Amino acid sequence: MTQTLINIAPQPIANFVFAHGAGAGQESEFMNVMAQGIAKHNITVIRFNFPYMQLAQQLGKRRPPDRADKLLTHFTGVLDELDKKLPIFIGGKSMGGRMASMLLQDSIAKGCICMGYPFHPPAKPEKLRTGDLLTINKPVLILQGERDTFGTRAEIDTYSLSQQVQLRYLADGDHSFKPRKASGYSLDDNLTTAIDSTVDFIHSAIKKETAICVK
């Protein structure tokens, strides 16, 4: 049984499996704020640590992420253990979001939410990681800081992504949505926008599927 951290919604209408980024685990401040905020809107949030992060915490020192195939296998294992009575959505922060988008097409998930998508390594815009986002035919929401070094708004606007990919930019935000003080925007406002956008995306996806089933 995979160890998970669950924020149970008061009246859940969906489950959101939320994967962490490369450098911080399921209990990072960002993960906590987002999970708690989303769960208040009747969406239960399930978090987990990838194996390398579990080992890093046991050893008390940082470790690099495992290869994508190992990460995807673990992510799939988490989904396999879920109760399937409610619609399932997947997503994550940075690397976790990328793994979710790679998994989405052939998974049981109805859609995917990526927070701070790592479109390319910082300062290496030529090394694009858009692959699956070009042809995916399930709904995807990407929440991205406007000046994220892993993909700025100006860069992303030139990509030919699938029509199923929705983009929501966080004002002057960096990779964790934090704006510069001089911008006049606040991190709290950007995090609230990210939470609200995630909730709206999940609710909308459920409504669309329900309408199709009724037809």
N, C-alpha and C. Protein backbone atom coordinates (compact mmCIF):
# COMPACT_ATOMS: atom_id res chain seq x y z
N MET A 1 0.84 -1.19 0.00
CA MET A 1 0.00 0.00 0.00
C MET A 1 0.89 1.25 0.00
N THR A 2 0.66 2.15 -0.94
CA THR A 2 1.44 3.37 -1.03
C THR A 2 1.03 4.33 0.08
N GLN A 3 2.02 4.93 0.74
CA GLN A 3 1.72 5.92 1.77
C GLN A 3 1.28 7.22 1.11
N THR A 4 0.12 7.69 1.50
CA THR A 4 -0.42 8.92 0.92
C THR A 4 -0.80 9.90 2.01
N LEU A 5 -0.88 11.15 1.63
CA LEU A 5 -1.34 12.22 2.51
C LEU A 5 -2.62 12.75 1.88
N ILE A 6 -3.72 12.67 2.60
CA ILE A 6 -5.03 12.97 2.01
C ILE A 6 -5.71 14.15 2.71
N ASN A 7 -6.11 15.12 1.93
CA ASN A 7 -6.96 16.21 2.41
C ASN A 7 -8.37 15.88 1.96
N ILE A 8 -9.19 15.44 2.89
CA ILE A 8 -10.54 14.98 2.57
C ILE A 8 -11.49 16.15 2.45
N ALA A 9 -12.19 16.21 1.33
CA ALA A 9 -13.16 17.28 1.10
C ALA A 9 -14.42 17.02 1.91
N PRO A 10 -15.14 18.09 2.32
CA PRO A 10 -16.37 17.91 3.10
C PRO A 10 -17.44 17.10 2.36
N GLN A 11 -17.66 17.41 1.09
CA GLN A 11 -18.63 16.67 0.27
C GLN A 11 -17.99 16.42 -1.09
N PRO A 12 -17.07 15.46 -1.17
CA PRO A 12 -16.25 15.28 -2.37
C PRO A 12 -17.03 14.92 -3.63
N ILE A 13 -16.66 15.63 -4.72
CA ILE A 13 -17.24 15.32 -6.03
C ILE A 13 -16.18 14.72 -6.96
N ALA A 14 -14.92 14.76 -6.51
CA ALA A 14 -13.82 14.23 -7.32
C ALA A 14 -12.59 14.01 -6.45
N ASN A 15 -11.66 13.21 -6.97
CA ASN A 15 -10.36 13.01 -6.33
C ASN A 15 -9.28 13.61 -7.22
N PHE A 16 -8.35 14.34 -6.62
CA PHE A 16 -7.24 14.94 -7.35
C PHE A 16 -5.94 14.38 -6.79
N VAL A 17 -5.22 13.61 -7.61
CA VAL A 17 -3.94 13.03 -7.20
C VAL A 17 -2.85 14.01 -7.59
N PHE A 18 -2.16 14.53 -6.60
CA PHE A 18 -1.29 15.70 -6.72
C PHE A 18 0.17 15.32 -6.43
N ALA A 19 1.01 15.32 -7.46
CA ALA A 19 2.41 14.88 -7.34
C ALA A 19 3.35 16.06 -7.11
N HIS A 20 4.37 15.83 -6.32
CA HIS A 20 5.32 16.89 -5.97
C HIS A 20 6.37 17.13 -7.06
N GLY A 21 7.11 18.22 -6.92
CA GLY A 21 8.17 18.55 -7.86
C GLY A 21 9.47 17.83 -7.54
N ALA A 22 10.51 18.12 -8.32
CA ALA A 22 11.76 17.38 -8.20
C ALA A 22 12.47 17.59 -6.87
N GLY A 23 12.40 18.80 -6.32
CA GLY A 23 13.23 19.10 -5.16
C GLY A 23 12.54 19.13 -3.81
N ALA A 24 11.23 19.06 -3.76
CA ALA A 24 10.50 19.13 -2.49
C ALA A 24 9.35 18.14 -2.51
N GLY A 25 9.12 17.48 -1.37
CA GLY A 25 8.13 16.40 -1.30
C GLY A 25 6.71 16.85 -1.09
N GLN A 26 5.88 15.87 -0.74
CA GLN A 26 4.44 16.09 -0.63
C GLN A 26 4.04 17.09 0.46
N GLU A 27 4.93 17.35 1.43
CA GLU A 27 4.59 18.22 2.54
C GLU A 27 5.23 19.60 2.44
N SER A 28 5.70 19.98 1.24
CA SER A 28 6.26 21.31 1.07
C SER A 28 5.17 22.35 1.29
N GLU A 29 5.59 23.60 1.55
CA GLU A 29 4.60 24.65 1.79
C GLU A 29 3.67 24.83 0.61
N PHE A 30 4.22 24.82 -0.60
CA PHE A 30 3.40 24.98 -1.80
C PHE A 30 2.36 23.87 -1.88
N MET A 31 2.79 22.62 -1.69
CA MET A 31 1.87 21.48 -1.78
C MET A 31 0.79 21.56 -0.71
N ASN A 32 1.19 21.97 0.50
CA ASN A 32 0.22 22.09 1.59
C ASN A 32 -0.84 23.14 1.29
N VAL A 33 -0.39 24.31 0.86
CA VAL A 33 -1.33 25.41 0.58
C VAL A 33 -2.31 25.04 -0.51
N MET A 34 -1.79 24.46 -1.59
CA MET A 34 -2.66 24.10 -2.70
C MET A 34 -3.64 22.99 -2.31
N ALA A 35 -3.13 21.96 -1.65
CA ALA A 35 -4.00 20.83 -1.27
C ALA A 35 -5.11 21.27 -0.33
N GLN A 36 -4.76 22.06 0.67
CA GLN A 36 -5.76 22.52 1.62
C GLN A 36 -6.79 23.43 0.95
N GLY A 37 -6.32 24.30 0.07
CA GLY A 37 -7.24 25.21 -0.61
C GLY A 37 -8.19 24.50 -1.55
N ILE A 38 -7.69 23.54 -2.30
CA ILE A 38 -8.53 22.79 -3.25
C ILE A 38 -9.55 21.92 -2.51
N ALA A 39 -9.11 21.29 -1.42
CA ALA A 39 -10.00 20.39 -0.67
C ALA A 39 -11.21 21.11 -0.10
N LYS A 40 -11.08 22.41 0.17
CA LYS A 40 -12.21 23.18 0.71
C LYS A 40 -13.35 23.31 -0.29
N HIS A 41 -13.03 23.01 -1.56
CA HIS A 41 -14.03 23.15 -2.62
C HIS A 41 -14.56 21.78 -3.08
N ASN A 42 -14.68 20.87 -2.15
CA ASN A 42 -15.29 19.56 -2.40
C ASN A 42 -14.50 18.67 -3.37
N ILE A 43 -13.19 18.83 -3.36
CA ILE A 43 -12.31 17.96 -4.15
C ILE A 43 -11.27 17.38 -3.20
N THR A 44 -11.32 16.08 -2.99
CA THR A 44 -10.35 15.43 -2.12
C THR A 44 -8.99 15.37 -2.82
N VAL A 45 -7.94 15.76 -2.11
CA VAL A 45 -6.60 15.81 -2.68
C VAL A 45 -5.73 14.72 -2.07
N ILE A 46 -5.16 13.90 -2.94
CA ILE A 46 -4.29 12.79 -2.52
C ILE A 46 -2.86 13.09 -2.93
N ARG A 47 -1.96 13.17 -1.94
CA ARG A 47 -0.55 13.40 -2.22
C ARG A 47 0.27 12.15 -1.90
N PHE A 48 1.44 12.07 -2.51
CA PHE A 48 2.34 10.95 -2.25
C PHE A 48 3.76 11.38 -2.55
N ASN A 49 4.74 10.65 -2.03
CA ASN A 49 6.14 10.89 -2.36
C ASN A 49 6.62 9.83 -3.33
N PHE A 50 7.32 10.26 -4.37
CA PHE A 50 7.96 9.30 -5.25
C PHE A 50 9.05 8.55 -4.47
N PRO A 51 9.44 7.34 -4.91
CA PRO A 51 10.42 6.54 -4.16
C PRO A 51 11.72 7.27 -3.83
N TYR A 52 12.27 8.03 -4.76
CA TYR A 52 13.53 8.73 -4.49
C TYR A 52 13.38 9.75 -3.37
N MET A 53 12.20 10.37 -3.28
CA MET A 53 11.95 11.35 -2.23
C MET A 53 11.78 10.65 -0.88
N GLN A 54 11.15 9.49 -0.90
CA GLN A 54 11.03 8.71 0.34
C GLN A 54 12.41 8.36 0.86
N LEU A 55 13.31 7.94 -0.03
CA LEU A 55 14.67 7.58 0.36
C LEU A 55 15.44 8.80 0.84
N ALA A 56 15.27 9.92 0.17
CA ALA A 56 15.95 11.16 0.55
C ALA A 56 15.56 11.56 1.97
N GLN A 57 14.29 11.40 2.30
CA GLN A 57 13.84 11.76 3.64
C GLN A 57 14.37 10.79 4.68
N GLN A 58 14.47 9.52 4.33
CA GLN A 58 15.03 8.53 5.25
C GLN A 58 16.51 8.79 5.53
N LEU A 59 17.24 9.17 4.48
CA LEU A 59 18.68 9.40 4.61
C LEU A 59 19.01 10.81 5.11
N GLY A 60 18.04 11.71 5.01
CA GLY A 60 18.28 13.07 5.45
C GLY A 60 19.13 13.88 4.50
N LYS A 61 19.15 13.49 3.22
CA LYS A 61 19.90 14.28 2.24
C LYS A 61 19.21 14.18 0.88
N ARG A 62 19.41 15.22 0.07
CA ARG A 62 18.76 15.30 -1.22
C ARG A 62 19.24 14.22 -2.17
N ARG A 63 18.32 13.77 -3.01
CA ARG A 63 18.65 12.80 -4.04
C ARG A 63 18.02 13.25 -5.37
N PRO A 64 18.63 12.91 -6.48
CA PRO A 64 18.04 13.29 -7.77
C PRO A 64 16.82 12.43 -8.06
N PRO A 65 15.89 12.93 -8.86
CA PRO A 65 14.71 12.14 -9.22
C PRO A 65 15.09 10.87 -9.97
N ASP A 66 14.24 9.86 -9.87
CA ASP A 66 14.43 8.63 -10.64
C ASP A 66 14.11 8.90 -12.10
N ARG A 67 14.40 7.93 -12.95
CA ARG A 67 14.06 8.03 -14.37
C ARG A 67 12.54 8.11 -14.52
N ALA A 68 12.10 8.71 -15.63
CA ALA A 68 10.67 8.92 -15.85
C ALA A 68 9.86 7.63 -15.78
N ASP A 69 10.42 6.53 -16.33
CA ASP A 69 9.63 5.29 -16.33
C ASP A 69 9.35 4.80 -14.92
N LYS A 70 10.30 4.97 -14.01
CA LYS A 70 10.09 4.56 -12.62
C LYS A 70 9.09 5.47 -11.92
N LEU A 71 9.18 6.76 -12.21
CA LEU A 71 8.24 7.72 -11.63
C LEU A 71 6.81 7.42 -12.10
N LEU A 72 6.67 7.14 -13.39
CA LEU A 72 5.35 6.86 -13.96
C LEU A 72 4.78 5.56 -13.42
N THR A 73 5.61 4.57 -13.21
CA THR A 73 5.15 3.30 -12.64
C THR A 73 4.60 3.52 -11.24
N HIS A 74 5.31 4.32 -10.45
CA HIS A 74 4.85 4.59 -9.08
C HIS A 74 3.55 5.38 -9.10
N PHE A 75 3.47 6.39 -9.96
CA PHE A 75 2.26 7.21 -10.09
C PHE A 75 1.07 6.32 -10.47
N THR A 76 1.27 5.41 -11.41
CA THR A 76 0.21 4.49 -11.82
C THR A 76 -0.23 3.61 -10.66
N GLY A 77 0.74 3.19 -9.84
CA GLY A 77 0.41 2.37 -8.68
C GLY A 77 -0.49 3.10 -7.69
N VAL A 78 -0.25 4.40 -7.53
CA VAL A 78 -1.10 5.21 -6.65
C VAL A 78 -2.53 5.25 -7.20
N LEU A 79 -2.66 5.44 -8.50
CA LEU A 79 -3.99 5.48 -9.12
C LEU A 79 -4.71 4.14 -9.00
N ASP A 80 -3.96 3.06 -9.13
CA ASP A 80 -4.56 1.73 -9.06
C ASP A 80 -5.19 1.46 -7.69
N GLU A 81 -4.67 2.10 -6.65
CA GLU A 81 -5.16 1.85 -5.29
C GLU A 81 -6.35 2.73 -4.91
N LEU A 82 -6.73 3.65 -5.78
CA LEU A 82 -7.81 4.57 -5.45
C LEU A 82 -9.19 3.94 -5.62
N ASP A 83 -10.12 4.44 -4.81
CA ASP A 83 -11.53 4.12 -5.01
C ASP A 83 -11.98 4.83 -6.29
N LYS A 84 -12.58 4.07 -7.20
CA LYS A 84 -12.93 4.63 -8.51
C LYS A 84 -14.37 5.18 -8.58
N LYS A 85 -15.01 5.32 -7.43
CA LYS A 85 -16.40 5.77 -7.44
C LYS A 85 -16.54 7.22 -7.88
N LEU A 86 -15.55 8.04 -7.58
CA LEU A 86 -15.57 9.45 -7.96
C LEU A 86 -14.63 9.68 -9.14
N PRO A 87 -14.90 10.71 -9.95
CA PRO A 87 -13.98 11.04 -11.05
C PRO A 87 -12.58 11.33 -10.50
N ILE A 88 -11.58 10.91 -11.24
CA ILE A 88 -10.19 11.10 -10.82
C ILE A 88 -9.49 12.09 -11.75
N PHE A 89 -8.80 13.05 -11.17
CA PHE A 89 -7.96 13.99 -11.89
C PHE A 89 -6.55 13.87 -11.35
N ILE A 90 -5.58 14.13 -12.20
CA ILE A 90 -4.19 14.03 -11.77
C ILE A 90 -3.46 15.33 -12.10
N GLY A 91 -2.32 15.52 -11.46
CA GLY A 91 -1.55 16.72 -11.73
C GLY A 91 -0.37 16.81 -10.78
N GLY A 92 0.26 17.99 -10.78
CA GLY A 92 1.39 18.13 -9.89
C GLY A 92 2.14 19.42 -10.09
N LYS A 93 3.11 19.61 -9.22
CA LYS A 93 4.00 20.76 -9.28
C LYS A 93 5.21 20.43 -10.14
N SER A 94 5.49 21.23 -11.14
CA SER A 94 6.70 21.10 -11.96
C SER A 94 6.87 19.67 -12.49
N MET A 95 7.90 18.95 -12.05
CA MET A 95 8.13 17.58 -12.52
C MET A 95 6.91 16.69 -12.31
N GLY A 96 6.24 16.85 -11.18
CA GLY A 96 5.05 16.05 -10.90
C GLY A 96 3.95 16.30 -11.92
N GLY A 97 3.81 17.56 -12.35
CA GLY A 97 2.83 17.89 -13.37
C GLY A 97 3.20 17.29 -14.71
N ARG A 98 4.49 17.30 -15.03
CA ARG A 98 4.93 16.70 -16.29
C ARG A 98 4.67 15.20 -16.30
N MET A 99 4.94 14.53 -15.18
CA MET A 99 4.67 13.09 -15.10
C MET A 99 3.17 12.83 -15.26
N ALA A 100 2.35 13.69 -14.67
CA ALA A 100 0.90 13.53 -14.78
C ALA A 100 0.45 13.69 -16.23
N SER A 101 1.01 14.67 -16.94
CA SER A 101 0.61 14.88 -18.33
C SER A 101 1.05 13.72 -19.21
N MET A 102 2.20 13.12 -18.89
CA MET A 102 2.69 11.97 -19.65
C MET A 102 1.81 10.74 -19.40
N LEU A 103 1.24 10.68 -18.21
CA LEU A 103 0.42 9.54 -17.81
C LEU A 103 -1.03 9.66 -18.27
N LEU A 104 -1.48 10.89 -18.44
CA LEU A 104 -2.91 11.18 -18.62
C LEU A 104 -3.58 10.37 -19.72
N GLN A 105 -3.03 10.37 -20.92
CA GLN A 105 -3.71 9.81 -22.08
C GLN A 105 -4.20 8.38 -21.86
N ASP A 106 -3.37 7.55 -21.27
CA ASP A 106 -3.71 6.13 -21.10
C ASP A 106 -4.13 5.78 -19.68
N SER A 107 -4.47 6.79 -18.89
CA SER A 107 -4.86 6.55 -17.50
C SER A 107 -6.38 6.65 -17.34
N ILE A 108 -6.84 6.39 -16.12
CA ILE A 108 -8.27 6.50 -15.81
C ILE A 108 -8.67 7.95 -15.51
N ALA A 109 -7.69 8.84 -15.46
CA ALA A 109 -7.96 10.23 -15.10
C ALA A 109 -8.77 10.96 -16.16
N LYS A 110 -9.62 11.86 -15.71
CA LYS A 110 -10.47 12.65 -16.60
C LYS A 110 -9.76 13.90 -17.12
N GLY A 111 -8.72 14.35 -16.42
CA GLY A 111 -8.01 15.54 -16.82
C GLY A 111 -6.78 15.74 -15.95
N CYS A 112 -6.02 16.77 -16.27
CA CYS A 112 -4.73 16.99 -15.63
C CYS A 112 -4.50 18.47 -15.35
N ILE A 113 -3.93 18.77 -14.18
CA ILE A 113 -3.59 20.14 -13.81
C ILE A 113 -2.10 20.21 -13.52
N CYS A 114 -1.37 21.01 -14.30
CA CYS A 114 0.08 21.14 -14.14
C CYS A 114 0.38 22.52 -13.59
N MET A 115 1.11 22.58 -12.49
CA MET A 115 1.43 23.84 -11.83
C MET A 115 2.92 24.13 -11.99
N GLY A 116 3.24 25.11 -12.83
CA GLY A 116 4.63 25.40 -13.11
C GLY A 116 5.23 24.32 -13.99
N TYR A 117 4.73 24.20 -15.22
CA TYR A 117 5.18 23.11 -16.09
C TYR A 117 6.62 23.37 -16.55
N PRO A 118 7.49 22.36 -16.44
CA PRO A 118 8.89 22.52 -16.87
C PRO A 118 9.05 22.34 -18.37
N PHE A 119 8.64 23.35 -19.13
CA PHE A 119 8.70 23.25 -20.59
C PHE A 119 10.13 23.04 -21.11
N HIS A 120 11.09 23.58 -20.39
CA HIS A 120 12.50 23.39 -20.74
C HIS A 120 13.35 23.70 -19.50
N PRO A 121 14.60 23.22 -19.46
CA PRO A 121 15.47 23.59 -18.34
C PRO A 121 15.73 25.10 -18.37
N PRO A 122 15.93 25.72 -17.22
CA PRO A 122 16.22 27.16 -17.20
C PRO A 122 17.41 27.52 -18.11
N ALA A 123 17.23 28.58 -18.87
CA ALA A 123 18.27 29.10 -19.78
C ALA A 123 18.56 28.17 -20.95
N LYS A 124 17.71 27.15 -21.16
CA LYS A 124 17.89 26.24 -22.29
C LYS A 124 16.58 26.05 -23.05
N PRO A 125 16.04 27.14 -23.61
CA PRO A 125 14.73 27.07 -24.27
C PRO A 125 14.69 26.15 -25.48
N GLU A 126 15.87 25.80 -26.01
CA GLU A 126 15.92 24.90 -27.17
C GLU A 126 15.63 23.45 -26.78
N LYS A 127 15.74 23.11 -25.50
CA LYS A 127 15.50 21.73 -25.04
C LYS A 127 14.05 21.58 -24.58
N LEU A 128 13.14 21.64 -25.52
CA LEU A 128 11.71 21.61 -25.21
C LEU A 128 11.23 20.25 -24.73
N ARG A 129 10.27 20.29 -23.80
CA ARG A 129 9.64 19.07 -23.29
C ARG A 129 8.14 19.15 -23.51
N THR A 130 7.75 19.45 -24.72
CA THR A 130 6.32 19.62 -24.99
C THR A 130 5.66 18.33 -25.48
N GLY A 131 6.46 17.37 -25.97
CA GLY A 131 5.99 16.09 -26.49
C GLY A 131 4.53 15.77 -26.41
N ASP A 132 4.09 15.24 -25.28
CA ASP A 132 2.71 14.76 -25.13
C ASP A 132 1.68 15.89 -25.20
N LEU A 133 2.09 17.12 -24.92
CA LEU A 133 1.14 18.24 -24.92
C LEU A 133 0.75 18.68 -26.33
N LEU A 134 1.43 18.18 -27.34
CA LEU A 134 1.14 18.57 -28.71
C LEU A 134 -0.08 17.84 -29.27
N THR A 135 -0.29 16.61 -28.80
CA THR A 135 -1.35 15.77 -29.39
C THR A 135 -2.36 15.24 -28.38
N ILE A 136 -2.22 15.58 -27.12
CA ILE A 136 -3.09 15.02 -26.08
C ILE A 136 -4.56 15.37 -26.36
N ASN A 137 -5.47 14.42 -26.10
CA ASN A 137 -6.89 14.70 -26.36
C ASN A 137 -7.77 14.57 -25.13
N LYS A 138 -7.16 14.71 -23.96
CA LYS A 138 -7.90 14.87 -22.71
C LYS A 138 -7.59 16.27 -22.18
N PRO A 139 -8.51 16.85 -21.42
CA PRO A 139 -8.31 18.23 -20.96
C PRO A 139 -7.13 18.40 -20.00
N VAL A 140 -6.34 19.44 -20.26
CA VAL A 140 -5.17 19.77 -19.44
C VAL A 140 -5.23 21.26 -19.09
N LEU A 141 -4.96 21.58 -17.83
CA LEU A 141 -4.83 22.97 -17.41
C LEU A 141 -3.39 23.19 -16.95
N ILE A 142 -2.73 24.18 -17.54
CA ILE A 142 -1.39 24.54 -17.11
C ILE A 142 -1.44 25.90 -16.44
N LEU A 143 -1.02 25.94 -15.19
CA LEU A 143 -0.94 27.17 -14.42
C LEU A 143 0.53 27.57 -14.40
N GLN A 144 0.85 28.73 -14.95
CA GLN A 144 2.25 29.10 -15.15
C GLN A 144 2.51 30.54 -14.75
N GLY A 145 3.58 30.75 -13.98
CA GLY A 145 4.01 32.10 -13.68
C GLY A 145 4.46 32.78 -14.96
N GLU A 146 4.12 34.04 -15.12
CA GLU A 146 4.45 34.75 -16.37
C GLU A 146 5.94 34.78 -16.66
N ARG A 147 6.78 34.78 -15.62
CA ARG A 147 8.23 34.85 -15.84
C ARG A 147 8.94 33.58 -15.34
N ASP A 148 8.24 32.47 -15.38
CA ASP A 148 8.81 31.18 -14.99
C ASP A 148 10.02 30.86 -15.87
N THR A 149 11.17 30.59 -15.26
CA THR A 149 12.38 30.31 -16.04
C THR A 149 12.32 28.96 -16.75
N PHE A 150 11.33 28.14 -16.41
CA PHE A 150 11.12 26.86 -17.10
C PHE A 150 10.17 27.01 -18.29
N GLY A 151 9.77 28.25 -18.55
CA GLY A 151 8.86 28.54 -19.66
C GLY A 151 8.09 29.81 -19.37
N THR A 152 8.51 30.91 -19.98
CA THR A 152 7.83 32.18 -19.76
C THR A 152 6.58 32.29 -20.62
N ARG A 153 5.75 33.25 -20.30
CA ARG A 153 4.54 33.46 -21.10
C ARG A 153 4.90 33.74 -22.56
N ALA A 154 5.91 34.58 -22.79
CA ALA A 154 6.31 34.92 -24.16
C ALA A 154 6.75 33.69 -24.94
N GLU A 155 7.46 32.78 -24.27
CA GLU A 155 7.92 31.55 -24.94
C GLU A 155 6.75 30.62 -25.23
N ILE A 156 5.91 30.41 -24.23
CA ILE A 156 4.81 29.44 -24.36
C ILE A 156 3.83 29.86 -25.45
N ASP A 157 3.63 31.16 -25.59
CA ASP A 157 2.70 31.66 -26.60
C ASP A 157 3.14 31.31 -28.02
N THR A 158 4.37 30.87 -28.19
CA THR A 158 4.86 30.48 -29.53
C THR A 158 4.74 28.97 -29.76
N TYR A 159 4.35 28.21 -28.74
CA TYR A 159 4.26 26.74 -28.86
C TYR A 159 2.93 26.34 -29.52
N SER A 160 2.95 25.26 -30.27
CA SER A 160 1.73 24.74 -30.91
C SER A 160 1.18 23.59 -30.08
N LEU A 161 0.54 23.92 -28.98
CA LEU A 161 0.02 22.90 -28.08
C LEU A 161 -1.37 22.42 -28.52
N SER A 162 -1.76 21.26 -28.06
CA SER A 162 -3.07 20.70 -28.36
C SER A 162 -4.17 21.68 -27.93
N GLN A 163 -5.28 21.67 -28.65
CA GLN A 163 -6.41 22.53 -28.29
C GLN A 163 -7.02 22.13 -26.95
N GLN A 164 -6.67 20.94 -26.46
CA GLN A 164 -7.16 20.49 -25.15
C GLN A 164 -6.39 21.14 -24.00
N VAL A 165 -5.29 21.80 -24.31
CA VAL A 165 -4.46 22.42 -23.27
C VAL A 165 -4.90 23.86 -23.02
N GLN A 166 -5.35 24.12 -21.79
CA GLN A 166 -5.71 25.47 -21.37
C GLN A 166 -4.55 26.06 -20.58
N LEU A 167 -4.30 27.34 -20.76
CA LEU A 167 -3.22 28.03 -20.05
C LEU A 167 -3.79 29.16 -19.19
N ARG A 168 -3.33 29.21 -17.96
CA ARG A 168 -3.69 30.33 -17.08
C ARG A 168 -2.39 30.88 -16.48
N TYR A 169 -2.12 32.14 -16.71
CA TYR A 169 -0.87 32.73 -16.25
C TYR A 169 -1.05 33.45 -14.92
N LEU A 170 -0.07 33.31 -14.04
CA LEU A 170 -0.08 33.98 -12.75
C LEU A 170 0.77 35.24 -12.85
N ALA A 171 0.18 36.37 -12.51
CA ALA A 171 0.78 37.68 -12.73
C ALA A 171 2.18 37.82 -12.15
N ASP A 172 3.16 38.06 -13.02
CA ASP A 172 4.56 38.28 -12.65
C ASP A 172 5.14 37.12 -11.84
N GLY A 173 4.50 35.96 -11.90
CA GLY A 173 4.92 34.83 -11.07
C GLY A 173 6.18 34.13 -11.56
N ASP A 174 6.94 33.56 -10.61
CA ASP A 174 8.09 32.73 -10.96
C ASP A 174 7.64 31.27 -11.01
N HIS A 175 8.56 30.33 -10.86
CA HIS A 175 8.22 28.91 -10.99
C HIS A 175 7.25 28.43 -9.89
N SER A 176 7.23 29.15 -8.76
CA SER A 176 6.29 28.82 -7.68
C SER A 176 5.22 29.90 -7.54
N PHE A 177 5.04 30.69 -8.61
CA PHE A 177 4.00 31.71 -8.72
C PHE A 177 4.29 32.99 -7.92
N LYS A 178 5.48 33.11 -7.36
CA LYS A 178 5.82 34.28 -6.54
C LYS A 178 6.17 35.48 -7.42
N PRO A 179 5.48 36.61 -7.26
CA PRO A 179 5.80 37.81 -8.05
C PRO A 179 6.87 38.66 -7.34
N ARG A 180 7.46 39.57 -8.08
CA ARG A 180 8.40 40.50 -7.48
C ARG A 180 7.63 41.55 -6.67
N LYS A 181 8.25 42.01 -5.58
CA LYS A 181 7.58 43.00 -4.72
C LYS A 181 7.17 44.23 -5.50
N ALA A 182 8.04 44.68 -6.39
CA ALA A 182 7.77 45.91 -7.14
C ALA A 182 6.64 45.78 -8.14
N SER A 183 6.19 44.53 -8.38
CA SER A 183 5.15 44.31 -9.40
C SER A 183 3.77 44.78 -8.95
N GLY A 184 3.58 44.83 -7.63
CA GLY A 184 2.27 45.20 -7.11
C GLY A 184 1.35 44.01 -6.92
N TYR A 185 1.81 42.83 -7.34
CA TYR A 185 1.02 41.61 -7.15
C TYR A 185 1.53 40.86 -5.92
N SER A 186 0.73 39.92 -5.42
CA SER A 186 1.13 39.18 -4.22
C SER A 186 1.09 37.68 -4.47
N LEU A 187 1.93 36.95 -3.73
CA LEU A 187 1.94 35.49 -3.83
C LEU A 187 0.60 34.92 -3.39
N ASP A 188 0.03 35.46 -2.34
CA ASP A 188 -1.27 34.96 -1.85
C ASP A 188 -2.33 35.06 -2.94
N ASP A 189 -2.34 36.17 -3.65
CA ASP A 189 -3.34 36.35 -4.71
C ASP A 189 -3.11 35.33 -5.83
N ASN A 190 -1.86 35.10 -6.18
CA ASN A 190 -1.56 34.14 -7.25
C ASN A 190 -1.91 32.72 -6.83
N LEU A 191 -1.65 32.37 -5.58
CA LEU A 191 -1.99 31.03 -5.10
C LEU A 191 -3.51 30.84 -5.07
N THR A 192 -4.22 31.89 -4.66
CA THR A 192 -5.69 31.82 -4.67
C THR A 192 -6.22 31.65 -6.09
N THR A 193 -5.62 32.38 -7.03
CA THR A 193 -6.02 32.24 -8.44
C THR A 193 -5.77 30.83 -8.93
N ALA A 194 -4.64 30.24 -8.55
CA ALA A 194 -4.30 28.88 -8.96
C ALA A 194 -5.28 27.87 -8.38
N ILE A 195 -5.65 28.06 -7.12
CA ILE A 195 -6.63 27.16 -6.48
C ILE A 195 -7.98 27.28 -7.17
N ASP A 196 -8.44 28.50 -7.37
CA ASP A 196 -9.75 28.73 -8.00
C ASP A 196 -9.78 28.18 -9.43
N SER A 197 -8.67 28.36 -10.15
CA SER A 197 -8.60 27.87 -11.54
C SER A 197 -8.65 26.34 -11.57
N THR A 198 -7.98 25.71 -10.63
CA THR A 198 -7.99 24.24 -10.55
C THR A 198 -9.40 23.73 -10.26
N VAL A 199 -10.05 24.36 -9.30
CA VAL A 199 -11.41 23.95 -8.93
C VAL A 199 -12.37 24.16 -10.10
N ASP A 200 -12.28 25.31 -10.76
CA ASP A 200 -13.16 25.59 -11.90
C ASP A 200 -12.93 24.58 -13.03
N PHE A 201 -11.67 24.24 -13.27
CA PHE A 201 -11.33 23.27 -14.32
C PHE A 201 -11.94 21.90 -14.03
N ILE A 202 -11.82 21.44 -12.81
CA ILE A 202 -12.36 20.12 -12.43
C ILE A 202 -13.88 20.12 -12.50
N HIS A 203 -14.50 21.16 -11.96
CA HIS A 203 -15.96 21.25 -12.01
C HIS A 203 -16.46 21.29 -13.45
N SER A 204 -15.79 22.05 -14.30
CA SER A 204 -16.18 22.16 -15.70
C SER A 204 -16.04 20.83 -16.43
N ALA A 205 -14.95 20.12 -16.17
CA ALA A 205 -14.72 18.82 -16.82
C ALA A 205 -15.80 17.81 -16.42
N ILE A 206 -16.19 17.85 -15.16
CA ILE A 206 -17.23 16.93 -14.67
C ILE A 206 -18.58 17.26 -15.32
N LYS A 207 -18.88 18.55 -15.41
CA LYS A 207 -20.15 18.97 -16.02
C LYS A 207 -20.22 18.57 -17.49
N LYS A 208 -19.12 18.74 -18.20
CA LYS A 208 -19.09 18.38 -19.63
C LYS A 208 -19.30 16.88 -19.81
N GLU A 209 -18.66 16.08 -18.97
CA GLU A 209 -18.81 14.62 -19.09
C GLU A 209 -20.22 14.20 -18.75
N THR A 210 -20.80 14.85 -17.72
CA THR A 210 -22.17 14.53 -17.33
C THR A 210 -23.13 14.86 -18.47
N ALA A 211 -22.91 16.00 -19.13
CA ALA A 211 -23.78 16.40 -20.24
C ALA A 211 -23.68 15.42 -21.40
N ILE A 212 -22.50 14.92 -21.65
CA ILE A 212 -22.31 13.94 -22.73
C ILE A 212 -23.02 12.64 -22.41
N CYS A 213 -22.92 12.22 -21.14
CA CYS A 213 -23.58 10.98 -20.72
C CYS A 213 -25.10 11.08 -20.81
N VAL A 214 -25.63 12.27 -20.49
CA VAL A 214 -27.08 12.48 -20.55
C VAL A 214 -27.58 12.38 -21.98
N LYS A 215 -26.78 12.89 -22.92
CA LYS A 215 -27.16 12.82 -24.32
C LYS A 215 -27.23 11.37 -24.79
